[in-house]
Amino acid sequence: MLELINVYKDYYIDKKPFHALKNINLFFPKNEFCAILGPSGCGKTTTLNIIGGLDRYTKGDLVIEGKSTKTFNDKDWDNYRNKRIGFVFQSYNLVQHLTILDNVVLSLTIGGMSANERIQKAKKALDDVG
């Protein structure tokens, strides 16, 4: 379960706040498929960056499995991104000089697995998606 409660996100332009998100309340049940839709500029990417721990909210709370992230430190966010959430970027963000296998293995490098385990897991993932 993941929940955003009264989430605000402000960016500052010339020392003036720009309110990218205002009072966002969302609930994502466990094991459900959800989509965030809307016109350009409505806050979809900002919301996803907050859910993914890539950006911090200004006010409110992001609750993950019943635990508030208000007190998360950098290590907590790193652990969350490493173990709990995955990203598929629109532009793929592949390293051009690496093979597909090497790109997938690279994403597993910070997880503490052995090199052989990373390669086997990457090969299985690539086989699973064809």
N, C-alpha and C. Protein backbone atom coordinates (compact mmCIF):
# COMPACT_ATOMS: atom_id res chain seq x y z
N MET A 1 0.82 -1.17 0.00
CA MET A 1 0.00 0.00 0.00
C MET A 1 0.87 1.25 0.00
N LEU A 2 0.46 2.20 -0.77
CA LEU A 2 1.18 3.47 -0.86
C LEU A 2 0.14 4.58 -0.84
N GLU A 3 0.41 5.62 -0.08
CA GLU A 3 -0.57 6.69 0.06
C GLU A 3 0.11 8.05 0.10
N LEU A 4 -0.46 8.99 -0.63
CA LEU A 4 -0.04 10.39 -0.53
C LEU A 4 -1.13 11.13 0.21
N ILE A 5 -0.75 11.84 1.27
CA ILE A 5 -1.71 12.53 2.11
C ILE A 5 -1.39 14.01 2.12
N ASN A 6 -2.30 14.80 1.56
CA ASN A 6 -2.17 16.27 1.54
C ASN A 6 -0.78 16.71 1.07
N VAL A 7 -0.29 16.12 -0.02
CA VAL A 7 1.06 16.39 -0.50
C VAL A 7 1.11 17.67 -1.32
N TYR A 8 2.10 18.49 -1.00
CA TYR A 8 2.39 19.71 -1.73
C TYR A 8 3.83 19.62 -2.22
N LYS A 9 4.09 20.20 -3.37
CA LYS A 9 5.47 20.32 -3.86
C LYS A 9 5.64 21.71 -4.44
N ASP A 10 6.58 22.44 -3.88
CA ASP A 10 6.89 23.79 -4.36
C ASP A 10 8.29 23.81 -4.95
N TYR A 11 8.42 24.49 -6.06
CA TYR A 11 9.74 24.81 -6.63
C TYR A 11 9.88 26.31 -6.49
N TYR A 12 11.11 26.77 -6.38
CA TYR A 12 11.32 28.21 -6.22
C TYR A 12 11.97 28.79 -7.46
N ILE A 13 11.32 29.80 -8.00
CA ILE A 13 11.81 30.50 -9.18
C ILE A 13 11.96 31.96 -8.79
N ASP A 14 13.18 32.48 -8.88
CA ASP A 14 13.45 33.85 -8.43
C ASP A 14 12.96 34.08 -7.01
N LYS A 15 13.20 33.09 -6.15
CA LYS A 15 12.84 33.13 -4.73
C LYS A 15 11.33 33.18 -4.48
N LYS A 16 10.54 32.90 -5.52
CA LYS A 16 9.08 32.85 -5.38
C LYS A 16 8.63 31.41 -5.56
N PRO A 17 7.71 30.95 -4.70
CA PRO A 17 7.27 29.56 -4.83
C PRO A 17 6.38 29.35 -6.06
N PHE A 18 6.65 28.25 -6.75
CA PHE A 18 5.77 27.79 -7.82
C PHE A 18 5.16 26.49 -7.29
N HIS A 19 3.86 26.45 -7.14
CA HIS A 19 3.17 25.30 -6.55
C HIS A 19 2.90 24.26 -7.64
N ALA A 20 3.78 23.25 -7.70
CA ALA A 20 3.63 22.19 -8.70
C ALA A 20 2.54 21.20 -8.30
N LEU A 21 2.43 20.93 -7.01
CA LEU A 21 1.38 20.06 -6.48
C LEU A 21 0.74 20.74 -5.29
N LYS A 22 -0.59 20.63 -5.21
CA LYS A 22 -1.32 21.23 -4.10
C LYS A 22 -2.32 20.23 -3.55
N ASN A 23 -2.12 19.82 -2.31
CA ASN A 23 -3.08 18.99 -1.59
C ASN A 23 -3.46 17.71 -2.36
N ILE A 24 -2.45 16.95 -2.74
CA ILE A 24 -2.68 15.70 -3.47
C ILE A 24 -2.95 14.58 -2.48
N ASN A 25 -4.05 13.88 -2.69
CA ASN A 25 -4.43 12.74 -1.87
C ASN A 25 -4.69 11.56 -2.80
N LEU A 26 -3.84 10.54 -2.70
CA LEU A 26 -3.97 9.35 -3.54
C LEU A 26 -3.74 8.11 -2.69
N PHE A 27 -4.42 7.04 -3.05
CA PHE A 27 -4.23 5.76 -2.38
C PHE A 27 -4.05 4.69 -3.44
N PHE A 28 -2.95 3.95 -3.33
CA PHE A 28 -2.65 2.86 -4.26
C PHE A 28 -2.69 1.55 -3.48
N PRO A 29 -3.72 0.74 -3.68
CA PRO A 29 -3.78 -0.54 -2.97
C PRO A 29 -2.67 -1.48 -3.41
N LYS A 30 -2.32 -2.40 -2.55
CA LYS A 30 -1.28 -3.38 -2.85
C LYS A 30 -1.76 -4.28 -4.00
N ASN A 31 -0.83 -4.60 -4.90
CA ASN A 31 -1.08 -5.51 -6.02
C ASN A 31 -2.15 -5.02 -7.00
N GLU A 32 -2.30 -3.73 -7.13
CA GLU A 32 -3.23 -3.16 -8.08
C GLU A 32 -2.47 -2.44 -9.18
N PHE A 33 -3.03 -2.41 -10.38
CA PHE A 33 -2.47 -1.65 -11.49
C PHE A 33 -3.16 -0.30 -11.50
N CYS A 34 -2.37 0.77 -11.51
CA CYS A 34 -2.93 2.12 -11.50
C CYS A 34 -2.25 2.94 -12.58
N ALA A 35 -2.95 3.91 -13.10
CA ALA A 35 -2.40 4.83 -14.09
C ALA A 35 -2.65 6.25 -13.62
N ILE A 36 -1.69 7.11 -13.89
CA ILE A 36 -1.84 8.54 -13.59
C ILE A 36 -1.92 9.24 -14.93
N LEU A 37 -3.07 9.83 -15.20
CA LEU A 37 -3.33 10.47 -16.49
C LEU A 37 -3.63 11.94 -16.30
N GLY A 38 -3.33 12.73 -17.32
CA GLY A 38 -3.66 14.14 -17.27
C GLY A 38 -2.89 14.91 -18.32
N PRO A 39 -3.29 16.15 -18.54
CA PRO A 39 -2.62 16.96 -19.56
C PRO A 39 -1.21 17.35 -19.15
N SER A 40 -0.44 17.77 -20.11
CA SER A 40 0.93 18.23 -19.87
C SER A 40 0.92 19.34 -18.83
N GLY A 41 1.84 19.22 -17.87
CA GLY A 41 1.97 20.27 -16.86
C GLY A 41 1.08 20.12 -15.65
N CYS A 42 0.33 19.02 -15.55
CA CYS A 42 -0.61 18.90 -14.43
C CYS A 42 0.02 18.29 -13.18
N GLY A 43 1.29 17.80 -13.27
CA GLY A 43 1.96 17.29 -12.09
C GLY A 43 2.19 15.78 -12.07
N LYS A 44 1.94 15.11 -13.19
CA LYS A 44 2.14 13.65 -13.23
C LYS A 44 3.57 13.25 -12.91
N THR A 45 4.53 13.85 -13.60
CA THR A 45 5.93 13.50 -13.40
C THR A 45 6.39 13.87 -12.00
N THR A 46 5.98 15.01 -11.50
CA THR A 46 6.33 15.42 -10.14
C THR A 46 5.78 14.42 -9.13
N THR A 47 4.55 13.99 -9.32
CA THR A 47 3.94 12.99 -8.43
C THR A 47 4.72 11.68 -8.47
N LEU A 48 5.05 11.21 -9.67
CA LEU A 48 5.80 9.96 -9.80
C LEU A 48 7.20 10.09 -9.20
N ASN A 49 7.84 11.25 -9.36
CA ASN A 49 9.16 11.46 -8.76
C ASN A 49 9.10 11.42 -7.24
N ILE A 50 8.02 11.91 -6.66
CA ILE A 50 7.84 11.86 -5.21
C ILE A 50 7.58 10.42 -4.77
N ILE A 51 6.70 9.72 -5.48
CA ILE A 51 6.42 8.32 -5.15
C ILE A 51 7.69 7.48 -5.26
N GLY A 52 8.52 7.77 -6.27
CA GLY A 52 9.75 7.01 -6.47
C GLY A 52 10.91 7.44 -5.60
N GLY A 53 10.71 8.45 -4.78
CA GLY A 53 11.79 8.89 -3.90
C GLY A 53 12.87 9.67 -4.62
N LEU A 54 12.60 10.11 -5.85
CA LEU A 54 13.56 10.90 -6.60
C LEU A 54 13.49 12.37 -6.25
N ASP A 55 12.36 12.78 -5.70
CA ASP A 55 12.15 14.17 -5.30
C ASP A 55 11.44 14.16 -3.96
N ARG A 56 11.55 15.22 -3.20
CA ARG A 56 10.93 15.32 -1.87
C ARG A 56 9.74 16.25 -1.93
N TYR A 57 8.72 15.90 -1.19
CA TYR A 57 7.54 16.76 -1.11
C TYR A 57 7.83 17.91 -0.15
N THR A 58 7.13 19.02 -0.33
CA THR A 58 7.31 20.19 0.51
C THR A 58 6.51 20.07 1.80
N LYS A 59 5.31 19.50 1.68
CA LYS A 59 4.40 19.40 2.82
C LYS A 59 3.51 18.18 2.59
N GLY A 60 2.99 17.62 3.67
CA GLY A 60 2.14 16.44 3.59
C GLY A 60 2.91 15.20 3.97
N ASP A 61 2.51 14.05 3.42
CA ASP A 61 3.19 12.81 3.75
C ASP A 61 3.02 11.78 2.64
N LEU A 62 4.05 10.99 2.46
CA LEU A 62 4.02 9.80 1.61
C LEU A 62 4.15 8.63 2.57
N VAL A 63 3.15 7.76 2.58
CA VAL A 63 3.11 6.63 3.50
C VAL A 63 3.28 5.35 2.69
N ILE A 64 4.28 4.55 3.07
CA ILE A 64 4.60 3.31 2.37
C ILE A 64 4.39 2.16 3.34
N GLU A 65 3.46 1.26 3.00
CA GLU A 65 3.16 0.12 3.86
C GLU A 65 2.89 0.56 5.30
N GLY A 66 2.16 1.67 5.45
CA GLY A 66 1.79 2.17 6.77
C GLY A 66 2.84 2.99 7.48
N LYS A 67 4.01 3.19 6.85
CA LYS A 67 5.10 3.93 7.49
C LYS A 67 5.28 5.29 6.81
N SER A 68 5.24 6.33 7.61
CA SER A 68 5.46 7.68 7.12
C SER A 68 6.90 7.85 6.64
N THR A 69 7.07 8.61 5.57
CA THR A 69 8.42 8.90 5.06
C THR A 69 8.93 10.25 5.56
N LYS A 70 8.19 10.89 6.43
CA LYS A 70 8.61 12.21 6.93
C LYS A 70 10.00 12.19 7.57
N THR A 71 10.34 11.07 8.19
CA THR A 71 11.62 10.99 8.88
C THR A 71 12.65 10.17 8.10
N PHE A 72 12.36 9.82 6.85
CA PHE A 72 13.32 9.07 6.03
C PHE A 72 14.60 9.88 5.85
N ASN A 73 15.74 9.23 6.02
CA ASN A 73 17.02 9.86 5.70
C ASN A 73 17.47 9.33 4.33
N ASP A 74 18.62 9.77 3.86
CA ASP A 74 19.10 9.36 2.54
C ASP A 74 19.22 7.84 2.43
N LYS A 75 19.69 7.20 3.49
CA LYS A 75 19.84 5.74 3.47
C LYS A 75 18.49 5.04 3.34
N ASP A 76 17.47 5.56 4.03
CA ASP A 76 16.12 5.00 3.92
C ASP A 76 15.59 5.12 2.50
N TRP A 77 15.79 6.30 1.88
CA TRP A 77 15.35 6.50 0.51
C TRP A 77 16.11 5.59 -0.45
N ASP A 78 17.42 5.44 -0.25
CA ASP A 78 18.21 4.54 -1.10
C ASP A 78 17.71 3.11 -0.99
N ASN A 79 17.42 2.67 0.23
CA ASN A 79 16.92 1.32 0.44
C ASN A 79 15.56 1.13 -0.23
N TYR A 80 14.69 2.11 -0.10
CA TYR A 80 13.37 2.07 -0.74
C TYR A 80 13.51 1.95 -2.26
N ARG A 81 14.34 2.79 -2.85
CA ARG A 81 14.52 2.75 -4.31
C ARG A 81 15.18 1.45 -4.76
N ASN A 82 16.06 0.91 -3.94
CA ASN A 82 16.80 -0.29 -4.29
C ASN A 82 15.95 -1.56 -4.15
N LYS A 83 15.10 -1.60 -3.13
CA LYS A 83 14.41 -2.85 -2.81
C LYS A 83 12.90 -2.83 -3.08
N ARG A 84 12.28 -1.66 -3.14
CA ARG A 84 10.82 -1.60 -3.14
C ARG A 84 10.16 -1.07 -4.41
N ILE A 85 10.92 -0.36 -5.21
CA ILE A 85 10.29 0.30 -6.36
C ILE A 85 11.20 0.17 -7.57
N GLY A 86 10.60 0.13 -8.74
CA GLY A 86 11.37 0.06 -9.98
C GLY A 86 10.95 1.18 -10.92
N PHE A 87 11.82 1.50 -11.83
CA PHE A 87 11.55 2.59 -12.76
C PHE A 87 11.69 2.09 -14.19
N VAL A 88 10.77 2.50 -15.03
CA VAL A 88 10.92 2.33 -16.48
C VAL A 88 10.79 3.74 -17.04
N PHE A 89 11.92 4.30 -17.43
CA PHE A 89 11.93 5.68 -17.91
C PHE A 89 11.43 5.73 -19.34
N GLN A 90 10.75 6.81 -19.68
CA GLN A 90 10.18 6.98 -21.00
C GLN A 90 11.25 6.90 -22.08
N SER A 91 12.43 7.43 -21.81
CA SER A 91 13.50 7.42 -22.81
C SER A 91 14.51 6.30 -22.55
N TYR A 92 14.15 5.34 -21.71
CA TYR A 92 14.94 4.15 -21.39
C TYR A 92 16.19 4.42 -20.56
N ASN A 93 16.90 5.50 -20.81
CA ASN A 93 18.12 5.83 -20.06
C ASN A 93 19.15 4.71 -20.08
N LEU A 94 19.33 4.07 -21.22
CA LEU A 94 20.35 3.03 -21.36
C LEU A 94 21.72 3.65 -21.58
N VAL A 95 22.75 2.96 -21.12
CA VAL A 95 24.12 3.39 -21.38
C VAL A 95 24.49 2.84 -22.75
N GLN A 96 24.73 3.75 -23.69
CA GLN A 96 24.88 3.39 -25.10
C GLN A 96 25.98 2.37 -25.39
N HIS A 97 27.10 2.47 -24.70
CA HIS A 97 28.23 1.59 -25.02
C HIS A 97 28.14 0.21 -24.34
N LEU A 98 27.08 -0.02 -23.56
CA LEU A 98 26.90 -1.31 -22.90
C LEU A 98 25.87 -2.16 -23.65
N THR A 99 25.98 -3.47 -23.53
CA THR A 99 24.97 -4.36 -24.11
C THR A 99 23.70 -4.25 -23.28
N ILE A 100 22.61 -4.81 -23.81
CA ILE A 100 21.35 -4.83 -23.04
C ILE A 100 21.56 -5.57 -21.72
N LEU A 101 22.22 -6.72 -21.78
CA LEU A 101 22.49 -7.49 -20.56
C LEU A 101 23.28 -6.65 -19.57
N ASP A 102 24.32 -5.98 -20.03
CA ASP A 102 25.15 -5.15 -19.14
C ASP A 102 24.34 -4.00 -18.53
N ASN A 103 23.42 -3.42 -19.29
CA ASN A 103 22.56 -2.36 -18.76
C ASN A 103 21.68 -2.88 -17.63
N VAL A 104 21.12 -4.08 -17.80
CA VAL A 104 20.27 -4.65 -16.76
C VAL A 104 21.11 -5.02 -15.54
N VAL A 105 22.27 -5.62 -15.77
CA VAL A 105 23.17 -5.98 -14.67
C VAL A 105 23.57 -4.72 -13.90
N LEU A 106 23.85 -3.64 -14.60
CA LEU A 106 24.24 -2.39 -13.96
C LEU A 106 23.19 -1.93 -12.95
N SER A 107 21.92 -2.09 -13.30
CA SER A 107 20.85 -1.67 -12.39
C SER A 107 20.81 -2.51 -11.11
N LEU A 108 21.41 -3.69 -11.13
CA LEU A 108 21.42 -4.57 -9.96
C LEU A 108 22.69 -4.43 -9.12
N THR A 109 23.63 -3.64 -9.58
CA THR A 109 24.95 -3.56 -8.95
C THR A 109 24.91 -3.09 -7.51
N ILE A 110 24.06 -2.12 -7.19
CA ILE A 110 24.06 -1.58 -5.82
C ILE A 110 23.25 -2.42 -4.85
N GLY A 111 22.68 -3.53 -5.30
CA GLY A 111 21.83 -4.35 -4.45
C GLY A 111 22.55 -5.32 -3.53
N GLY A 112 23.87 -5.41 -3.63
CA GLY A 112 24.62 -6.28 -2.76
C GLY A 112 24.68 -7.74 -3.20
N MET A 113 24.27 -8.02 -4.45
CA MET A 113 24.34 -9.39 -4.97
C MET A 113 25.72 -9.66 -5.54
N SER A 114 26.05 -10.94 -5.61
CA SER A 114 27.31 -11.32 -6.26
C SER A 114 27.18 -11.08 -7.76
N ALA A 115 28.32 -11.00 -8.45
CA ALA A 115 28.31 -10.76 -9.90
C ALA A 115 27.55 -11.86 -10.62
N ASN A 116 27.76 -13.10 -10.25
CA ASN A 116 27.08 -14.22 -10.90
C ASN A 116 25.57 -14.15 -10.68
N GLU A 117 25.17 -13.82 -9.46
CA GLU A 117 23.75 -13.70 -9.14
C GLU A 117 23.09 -12.59 -9.96
N ARG A 118 23.80 -11.45 -10.11
CA ARG A 118 23.28 -10.34 -10.92
C ARG A 118 23.08 -10.77 -12.37
N ILE A 119 24.05 -11.47 -12.92
CA ILE A 119 23.96 -11.91 -14.32
C ILE A 119 22.80 -12.87 -14.50
N GLN A 120 22.65 -13.84 -13.59
CA GLN A 120 21.56 -14.81 -13.70
C GLN A 120 20.20 -14.12 -13.58
N LYS A 121 20.08 -13.19 -12.65
CA LYS A 121 18.81 -12.47 -12.46
C LYS A 121 18.51 -11.61 -13.69
N ALA A 122 19.52 -10.96 -14.23
CA ALA A 122 19.33 -10.11 -15.43
C ALA A 122 18.92 -10.97 -16.62
N LYS A 123 19.56 -12.12 -16.81
CA LYS A 123 19.21 -12.99 -17.93
C LYS A 123 17.76 -13.49 -17.80
N LYS A 124 17.36 -13.84 -16.58
CA LYS A 124 15.98 -14.28 -16.38
C LYS A 124 14.99 -13.16 -16.69
N ALA A 125 15.28 -11.95 -16.22
CA ALA A 125 14.41 -10.82 -16.49
C ALA A 125 14.28 -10.57 -17.99
N LEU A 126 15.40 -10.62 -18.69
CA LEU A 126 15.36 -10.41 -20.15
C LEU A 126 14.61 -11.54 -20.85
N ASP A 127 14.80 -12.77 -20.39
CA ASP A 127 14.03 -13.89 -20.95
C ASP A 127 12.54 -13.72 -20.70
N ASP A 128 12.19 -13.25 -19.52
CA ASP A 128 10.78 -13.08 -19.15
C ASP A 128 10.07 -12.06 -20.05
N VAL A 129 10.80 -11.06 -20.51
CA VAL A 129 10.17 -10.03 -21.36
C VAL A 129 10.46 -10.25 -22.85
N GLY A 130 11.18 -11.32 -23.15
CA GLY A 130 11.44 -11.64 -24.56
C GLY A 130 12.47 -10.76 -25.18
